[in-house]
Amino acid sequence: MPIIKSAKKRLKQSKKNHSVNLVYKRKMKEVVKEVKELALANKKSEAKKILPKAYKAIDKAAKRGVIKKNTASRKKSQLSRLLA
């Protein structure tokens, strides 16, 4: 446990940021999983309707720094290839 005041504050900030980051990461994973399941179940038209939501979630996660820019790009590319 931190003893110095600034270290205590950083710990508090770190916990808060971690919980916020988890929200973005979970949302992204849920939507991506949904698109993949639909695509593999040969419901590609439905998956294409959800694809913009997946892109949005991935972009938001990248913007917040939860995932890196190239990772976001790779995930979007893989989804579009899956539906092509």
Protein backbone atom coordinates (compact mmCIF):
# COMPACT_ATOMS: atom_id res chain seq x y z
CA MET A 1 0.00 0.00 0.00
CA PRO A 2 1.22 3.50 -0.80
CA ILE A 3 2.38 5.71 2.03
CA ILE A 4 3.10 8.97 0.21
CA LYS A 5 0.09 11.18 -0.48
CA SER A 6 0.71 11.43 -4.22
CA ALA A 7 1.08 7.66 -4.47
CA LYS A 8 -2.28 7.24 -2.72
CA LYS A 9 -3.86 9.60 -5.21
CA ARG A 10 -2.30 7.73 -8.16
CA LEU A 11 -3.66 4.45 -6.79
CA LYS A 12 -7.14 5.96 -6.59
CA GLN A 13 -6.87 7.32 -10.14
CA SER A 14 -5.52 4.01 -11.38
CA LYS A 15 -8.48 2.08 -9.95
CA LYS A 16 -10.95 4.53 -11.45
CA ASN A 17 -9.28 4.43 -14.87
CA HIS A 18 -9.15 0.64 -14.75
CA SER A 19 -12.90 0.37 -14.16
CA VAL A 20 -13.64 2.86 -16.96
CA ASN A 21 -11.31 1.00 -19.33
CA LEU A 22 -13.05 -2.28 -18.52
CA VAL A 23 -16.38 -0.80 -19.60
CA TYR A 24 -15.01 0.09 -23.03
CA LYS A 25 -13.23 -3.25 -23.39
CA ARG A 26 -16.28 -5.31 -22.41
CA LYS A 27 -18.57 -3.37 -24.73
CA MET A 28 -16.15 -3.89 -27.60
CA LYS A 29 -15.77 -7.61 -26.90
CA GLU A 30 -19.54 -8.15 -26.65
CA VAL A 31 -20.32 -6.51 -29.99
CA VAL A 32 -17.41 -8.20 -31.78
CA LYS A 33 -18.49 -11.57 -30.41
CA GLU A 34 -22.06 -10.96 -31.56
CA VAL A 35 -20.91 -10.12 -35.10
CA LYS A 36 -18.68 -13.21 -35.24
CA GLU A 37 -21.45 -15.51 -34.00
CA LEU A 38 -23.89 -14.18 -36.60
CA ALA A 39 -21.31 -14.51 -39.35
CA LEU A 40 -20.48 -18.08 -38.45
CA ALA A 41 -24.20 -18.92 -38.29
CA ASN A 42 -24.54 -17.74 -41.92
CA LYS A 43 -26.64 -14.73 -40.92
CA LYS A 44 -24.33 -12.31 -42.68
CA SER A 45 -27.02 -9.75 -43.50
CA GLU A 46 -27.80 -9.36 -39.79
CA ALA A 47 -24.10 -9.24 -38.96
CA LYS A 48 -23.58 -6.45 -41.51
CA LYS A 49 -26.27 -4.39 -39.74
CA ILE A 50 -24.38 -4.69 -36.44
CA LEU A 51 -20.96 -4.08 -38.01
CA PRO A 52 -21.11 -0.25 -37.61
CA LYS A 53 -21.76 -0.74 -33.87
CA ALA A 54 -18.70 -2.96 -33.66
CA TYR A 55 -16.58 -0.41 -35.52
CA LYS A 56 -17.81 2.32 -33.18
CA ALA A 57 -16.97 0.30 -30.06
CA ILE A 58 -13.53 -0.60 -31.41
CA ASP A 59 -12.79 3.02 -32.36
CA LYS A 60 -13.87 4.29 -28.95
CA ALA A 61 -11.66 1.77 -27.20
CA ALA A 62 -8.71 2.84 -29.38
CA LYS A 63 -9.42 6.52 -28.79
CA ARG A 64 -9.45 5.99 -25.03
CA GLY A 65 -6.18 4.06 -25.16
CA VAL A 66 -7.73 0.77 -24.04
CA ILE A 67 -6.37 -0.87 -27.18
CA LYS A 68 -3.76 0.42 -29.60
CA LYS A 69 -4.57 2.01 -32.94
CA ASN A 70 -3.13 -0.86 -34.99
CA THR A 71 -4.98 -3.42 -32.90
CA ALA A 72 -8.22 -1.58 -33.61
CA SER A 73 -7.41 -1.51 -37.30
CA ARG A 74 -6.63 -5.22 -37.29
CA LYS A 75 -9.88 -6.11 -35.49
CA LYS A 76 -11.96 -4.09 -37.94
CA SER A 77 -10.15 -5.66 -40.87
CA GLN A 78 -10.73 -9.17 -39.56
CA LEU A 79 -14.45 -8.49 -39.08
CA SER A 80 -14.87 -7.12 -42.57
CA ARG A 81 -12.97 -10.10 -44.05
CA LEU A 82 -15.20 -12.48 -42.09
CA LEU A 83 -18.30 -10.92 -43.65
CA ALA A 84 -16.88 -10.67 -47.18
